[in-house]
Amino acid sequence: MEDLVLIFFSASVINNFTLTYFLGLCAFMGVTNRIDTAVRLGLANIFVLLITSLATWLLNTYVLVHAPYLSLISYIVVIAGAVQFVEMAIKKLSPTLFRALGIYLPLITTNCAILALALFQTSRGYGLAQGLVYALGAGVGLLLALVIMAGIREEVEMSPTSKLIRGTALSFFIAGMLSLAFMGFAGLFSKA
């Protein structure tokens, strides 16, 4: 149980995919203008990460035992299928959210954080429970990064800021400061 807590905390905070490994930056920079949109995209990512983790474990355990060279293409097919399912569900259940997410929802398919999860999980030799906890931690970390960035961007939009740094420049500066803050957790656990 202690290992699962460590895996979760490590994936969400210490080794945050977005702020430490710089994975998933297209959604991080593109959808973080409003907190509600960031939360919903983060939840969609968590769902896709969990499906990817489960499918990765199943593929590695039962299908790719004698053909590990097919793992990368298998992961990509699973991720694309999961994202299509999420996209259809969001379009049906919340058309407003579907329009708000725009191009960033189908971009989950090419989100390097999703593929990295499958590759990291495989290379670390995680079992089913460890893989699911790792996926949940990575998803919570991505959600955390999206919400923090969206909150800061909403505050900055309301405050007086120089035209020189407003917009993309300020967003990159904020992202850099968040990354430095999260990298401060790197020495927290020696096992992580």
Protein backbone atom coordinates (compact mmCIF):
# COMPACT_ATOMS: atom_id res chain seq x y z
CA MET A 1 0.00 0.00 0.00
CA GLU A 2 2.85 2.36 0.80
CA ASP A 3 4.31 1.71 -2.65
CA LEU A 4 1.00 2.66 -4.30
CA VAL A 5 0.85 5.93 -2.37
CA LEU A 6 4.44 6.65 -3.36
CA ILE A 7 3.71 5.86 -7.02
CA PHE A 8 0.63 8.13 -6.97
CA PHE A 9 2.41 11.04 -5.26
CA SER A 10 5.46 10.65 -7.46
CA ALA A 11 3.41 10.70 -10.68
CA SER A 12 1.20 13.60 -9.64
CA VAL A 13 3.65 15.95 -7.94
CA ILE A 14 7.30 14.90 -7.94
CA ASN A 15 7.47 13.68 -11.54
CA ASN A 16 4.53 15.65 -12.90
CA PHE A 17 4.25 14.83 -16.60
CA THR A 18 3.55 18.41 -17.64
CA LEU A 19 5.65 20.50 -15.26
CA THR A 20 8.63 18.16 -14.83
CA TYR A 21 8.79 16.09 -18.04
CA PHE A 22 7.19 18.79 -20.24
CA LEU A 23 4.70 16.34 -21.76
CA GLY A 24 1.22 17.43 -22.82
CA LEU A 25 2.15 21.05 -23.33
CA CYS A 26 -0.23 21.66 -26.25
CA ALA A 27 -3.27 21.25 -24.01
CA PHE A 28 -1.49 22.91 -21.10
CA MET A 29 -0.88 26.11 -23.06
CA GLY A 30 -4.02 25.99 -25.20
CA VAL A 31 -6.89 25.14 -22.85
CA THR A 32 -5.85 26.92 -19.67
CA ASN A 33 -7.72 30.17 -20.25
CA ARG A 34 -10.66 29.14 -18.03
CA ILE A 35 -10.69 26.89 -14.98
CA ASP A 36 -13.89 25.02 -15.89
CA THR A 37 -12.53 24.06 -19.31
CA ALA A 38 -9.20 23.02 -17.79
CA VAL A 39 -10.96 20.82 -15.21
CA ARG A 40 -13.04 19.07 -17.84
CA LEU A 41 -10.08 18.43 -20.13
CA GLY A 42 -8.12 17.17 -17.14
CA LEU A 43 -10.91 14.73 -16.28
CA ALA A 44 -11.03 13.54 -19.91
CA ASN A 45 -7.26 12.99 -19.76
CA ILE A 46 -7.59 11.00 -16.52
CA PHE A 47 -10.15 8.74 -18.16
CA VAL A 48 -7.96 8.18 -21.23
CA LEU A 49 -4.90 7.59 -19.04
CA LEU A 50 -6.74 4.94 -17.01
CA ILE A 51 -7.97 3.17 -20.15
CA THR A 52 -4.47 3.36 -21.63
CA SER A 53 -2.94 1.93 -18.47
CA LEU A 54 -5.39 -0.97 -18.36
CA ALA A 55 -4.95 -1.68 -22.07
CA THR A 56 -1.16 -1.46 -21.77
CA TRP A 57 -1.15 -4.00 -18.98
CA LEU A 58 -3.46 -6.32 -20.93
CA LEU A 59 -1.38 -5.98 -24.09
CA ASN A 60 1.90 -6.58 -22.28
CA THR A 61 0.55 -9.50 -20.24
CA TYR A 62 -1.50 -11.41 -22.81
CA VAL A 63 -0.95 -10.17 -26.37
CA LEU A 64 2.59 -8.88 -26.82
CA VAL A 65 4.40 -11.55 -24.82
CA HIS A 66 6.22 -12.85 -27.90
CA ALA A 67 6.02 -9.67 -30.00
CA PRO A 68 7.25 -6.71 -27.93
CA TYR A 69 8.28 -4.92 -31.14
CA LEU A 70 4.56 -4.30 -31.80
CA SER A 71 4.04 -2.49 -28.50
CA LEU A 72 4.37 1.08 -29.76
CA ILE A 73 1.86 0.70 -32.59
CA SER A 74 -0.48 -1.22 -30.28
CA TYR A 75 -0.37 1.59 -27.72
CA ILE A 76 -1.13 4.19 -30.38
CA VAL A 77 -4.17 2.23 -31.60
CA VAL A 78 -5.51 1.87 -28.04
CA ILE A 79 -5.00 5.58 -27.31
CA ALA A 80 -6.72 6.61 -30.54
CA GLY A 81 -9.68 4.35 -29.77
CA ALA A 82 -10.00 5.62 -26.20
CA VAL A 83 -9.90 9.25 -27.32
CA GLN A 84 -12.54 8.61 -29.98
CA PHE A 85 -14.78 7.10 -27.31
CA VAL A 86 -14.24 10.10 -25.00
CA GLU A 87 -14.83 12.54 -27.85
CA MET A 88 -18.13 10.87 -28.82
CA ALA A 89 -19.26 10.76 -25.18
CA ILE A 90 -18.47 14.44 -24.56
CA LYS A 91 -20.13 15.47 -27.82
CA LYS A 92 -23.29 13.60 -26.79
CA LEU A 93 -23.33 14.56 -23.08
CA SER A 94 -22.00 18.13 -23.21
CA PRO A 95 -22.01 19.86 -26.61
CA THR A 96 -20.95 23.12 -24.94
CA LEU A 97 -17.83 21.49 -23.51
CA PHE A 98 -17.19 19.82 -26.86
CA ARG A 99 -17.15 23.24 -28.56
CA ALA A 100 -15.09 24.79 -25.74
CA LEU A 101 -12.37 22.14 -26.00
CA GLY A 102 -12.31 22.46 -29.77
CA ILE A 103 -9.22 20.98 -31.38
CA TYR A 104 -7.65 20.11 -28.02
CA LEU A 105 -9.97 17.16 -27.42
CA PRO A 106 -8.83 15.19 -30.49
CA LEU A 107 -5.28 16.29 -29.69
CA ILE A 108 -5.39 13.97 -26.66
CA THR A 109 -4.75 11.27 -29.28
CA THR A 110 -1.37 12.78 -30.07
CA ASN A 111 -0.73 13.91 -26.51
CA CYS A 112 2.74 12.67 -25.73
CA ALA A 113 1.81 12.33 -22.03
CA ILE A 114 -0.65 9.54 -22.87
CA LEU A 115 1.91 7.60 -24.91
CA ALA A 116 4.60 8.30 -22.30
CA LEU A 117 2.39 6.72 -19.66
CA ALA A 118 2.23 3.47 -21.63
CA LEU A 119 5.99 3.50 -22.25
CA PHE A 120 6.94 4.43 -18.67
CA GLN A 121 4.54 1.86 -17.22
CA THR A 122 6.05 -0.84 -19.43
CA SER A 123 9.66 0.11 -18.77
CA ARG A 124 9.08 0.19 -15.00
CA GLY A 125 7.41 -3.23 -15.06
CA TYR A 126 4.27 -2.11 -13.23
CA GLY A 127 1.52 -4.64 -12.60
CA LEU A 128 -2.18 -3.87 -12.94
CA ALA A 129 -2.69 -2.06 -9.62
CA GLN A 130 0.58 -0.15 -9.88
CA GLY A 131 -0.17 0.85 -13.47
CA LEU A 132 -3.66 2.11 -12.64
CA VAL A 133 -2.37 4.10 -9.66
CA TYR A 134 0.41 5.49 -11.83
CA ALA A 135 -2.14 6.52 -14.49
CA LEU A 136 -4.39 8.10 -11.88
CA GLY A 137 -1.43 9.98 -10.39
CA ALA A 138 -0.29 11.18 -13.81
CA GLY A 139 -3.83 12.30 -14.61
CA VAL A 140 -4.24 14.12 -11.31
CA GLY A 141 -0.87 15.78 -11.91
CA LEU A 142 -1.98 16.92 -15.36
CA LEU A 143 -5.29 18.13 -13.93
CA LEU A 144 -3.42 19.98 -11.19
CA ALA A 145 -1.13 21.67 -13.71
CA LEU A 146 -4.05 22.66 -15.97
CA VAL A 147 -6.11 24.09 -13.09
CA ILE A 148 -3.22 26.01 -11.52
CA MET A 149 -2.26 27.50 -14.88
CA ALA A 150 -5.88 28.38 -15.68
CA GLY A 151 -6.35 30.03 -12.29
CA ILE A 152 -3.23 32.13 -12.69
CA ARG A 153 -4.16 33.11 -16.24
CA GLU A 154 -7.65 34.15 -15.13
CA GLU A 155 -6.14 36.32 -12.38
CA VAL A 156 -3.59 37.86 -14.73
CA GLU A 157 -6.33 38.68 -17.24
CA MET A 158 -8.10 40.76 -14.58
CA SER A 159 -4.99 42.54 -13.33
CA PRO A 160 -3.09 45.40 -14.94
CA THR A 161 -0.20 43.93 -16.88
CA SER A 162 2.25 45.54 -19.26
CA LYS A 163 1.36 45.06 -22.93
CA LEU A 164 4.94 44.00 -23.49
CA ILE A 165 4.55 40.70 -21.65
CA ARG A 166 0.81 40.10 -21.91
CA GLY A 167 -0.27 37.01 -23.84
CA THR A 168 2.07 34.25 -24.89
CA ALA A 169 5.19 35.68 -23.25
CA LEU A 170 3.52 35.87 -19.85
CA SER A 171 2.04 32.39 -20.28
CA PHE A 172 5.48 30.93 -20.92
CA PHE A 173 6.91 32.82 -17.95
CA ILE A 174 4.15 31.48 -15.67
CA ALA A 175 4.67 27.95 -17.02
CA GLY A 176 8.40 28.23 -16.31
CA MET A 177 7.80 29.40 -12.74
CA LEU A 178 5.32 26.56 -12.14
CA SER A 179 7.83 24.09 -13.53
CA LEU A 180 10.54 25.37 -11.22
CA ALA A 181 8.18 25.13 -8.27
CA PHE A 182 7.27 21.52 -9.04
CA MET A 183 10.88 20.55 -9.66
CA GLY A 184 11.51 21.59 -6.06
CA PHE A 185 9.72 18.39 -5.01
CA ALA A 186 12.35 16.26 -6.80
CA GLY A 187 14.33 15.40 -3.68
CA LEU A 188 11.30 14.75 -1.49
CA PHE A 189 11.47 10.95 -1.58
CA SER A 190 14.57 8.96 -2.36
CA LYS A 191 12.46 6.08 -3.80
CA ALA A 192 10.53 8.33 -6.23
